[in-house]
Amino acid sequence: MAHAQAFGPAAGLAVVRPLFEVPGMTDYHLLYAVTGDLLCRSGDHVAARDHFLRAASMTQNAAERLTMRGRAADCAATPPATP
């Protein structure tokens, strides 16, 4: 996330996306949450929503699940970025 703060969400996504190829990482809900955040900040609200919902479905923690569902709802309510 620090990389994305310094260089923008696209740069952060470039760092995060390869992690989906690492065995075991696709079972880590926070990978989906971070990706959702970066997608949301880059304007891809549909993909961000999907990632937040996936993160919510993976966590056993009720507070995290509520937070991820809230972030998904926020993305769904945000108009898409105009090119």
Protein backbone atom coordinates (compact mmCIF):
# COMPACT_ATOMS: atom_id res chain seq x y z
CA MET A 1 0.00 0.00 0.00
CA ALA A 2 2.88 2.39 0.64
CA HIS A 3 3.96 1.88 -2.96
CA ALA A 4 0.46 2.83 -4.11
CA GLN A 5 0.48 5.89 -1.84
CA ALA A 6 3.71 7.07 -3.40
CA PHE A 7 3.13 6.11 -7.04
CA GLY A 8 -0.64 5.69 -7.44
CA PRO A 9 -3.10 2.82 -7.45
CA ALA A 10 -1.98 1.45 -10.84
CA ALA A 11 1.55 1.04 -9.48
CA GLY A 12 0.14 -0.66 -6.40
CA LEU A 13 -1.87 -3.06 -8.55
CA ALA A 14 1.28 -3.90 -10.51
CA VAL A 15 2.87 -5.01 -7.23
CA VAL A 16 -0.19 -6.84 -5.87
CA ARG A 17 -1.45 -8.70 -8.96
CA PRO A 18 1.49 -11.14 -9.17
CA LEU A 19 0.67 -12.29 -5.63
CA PHE A 20 -2.39 -14.08 -7.02
CA GLU A 21 0.08 -16.49 -8.69
CA VAL A 22 1.80 -17.38 -5.40
CA PRO A 23 0.51 -20.69 -4.01
CA GLY A 24 -1.68 -20.15 -0.98
CA MET A 25 -2.16 -16.43 -1.48
CA THR A 26 -5.52 -16.84 -3.18
CA ASP A 27 -6.78 -18.17 0.16
CA TYR A 28 -5.77 -14.94 1.92
CA HIS A 29 -8.76 -12.62 2.22
CA LEU A 30 -6.66 -9.51 2.75
CA LEU A 31 -5.11 -9.92 -0.70
CA TYR A 32 -8.60 -9.46 -2.13
CA ALA A 33 -9.29 -6.56 0.22
CA VAL A 34 -6.11 -4.71 -0.76
CA THR A 35 -6.77 -5.35 -4.43
CA GLY A 36 -10.33 -4.10 -3.98
CA ASP A 37 -9.07 -0.92 -2.39
CA LEU A 38 -6.60 -0.28 -5.19
CA LEU A 39 -9.20 -1.02 -7.86
CA CYS A 40 -11.63 1.35 -6.17
CA ARG A 41 -9.03 4.10 -6.03
CA SER A 42 -8.24 3.54 -9.71
CA GLY A 43 -11.92 3.91 -10.62
CA ASP A 44 -12.77 0.27 -11.41
CA HIS A 45 -15.66 0.08 -8.95
CA VAL A 46 -17.24 -3.08 -10.39
CA ALA A 47 -14.04 -5.11 -10.00
CA ALA A 48 -13.39 -3.52 -6.61
CA ARG A 49 -16.84 -4.56 -5.41
CA ASP A 50 -16.21 -8.14 -6.54
CA HIS A 51 -12.90 -8.25 -4.68
CA PHE A 52 -14.40 -6.87 -1.48
CA LEU A 53 -17.24 -9.40 -1.62
CA ARG A 54 -14.73 -12.20 -2.17
CA ALA A 55 -12.73 -10.98 0.84
CA ALA A 56 -15.93 -10.87 2.92
CA SER A 57 -16.80 -14.44 1.95
CA MET A 58 -13.36 -15.70 2.95
CA THR A 59 -12.97 -14.19 6.41
CA GLN A 60 -14.22 -15.81 9.60
CA ASN A 61 -14.10 -12.48 11.43
CA ALA A 62 -17.55 -10.86 11.61
CA ALA A 63 -16.17 -7.32 11.89
CA GLU A 64 -13.94 -7.78 8.84
CA ARG A 65 -16.83 -9.33 6.92
CA LEU A 66 -19.03 -6.32 7.75
CA THR A 67 -16.28 -3.92 6.72
CA MET A 68 -15.67 -5.69 3.41
CA ARG A 69 -19.40 -5.78 2.63
CA GLY A 70 -19.59 -2.08 3.43
CA ARG A 71 -16.70 -1.33 1.10
CA ALA A 72 -18.42 -3.40 -1.61
CA ALA A 73 -21.62 -1.40 -1.14
CA ASP A 74 -19.68 1.86 -1.32
CA CYS A 75 -18.12 0.76 -4.61
CA ALA A 76 -21.51 -0.23 -6.02
CA ALA A 77 -22.86 3.23 -5.13
CA THR A 78 -19.93 5.10 -6.67
CA PRO A 79 -20.37 6.13 -10.30
CA PRO A 80 -17.78 4.71 -12.69
CA ALA A 81 -14.82 6.89 -13.58
CA THR A 82 -15.19 8.74 -16.86
CA PRO A 83 -12.36 8.25 -19.32
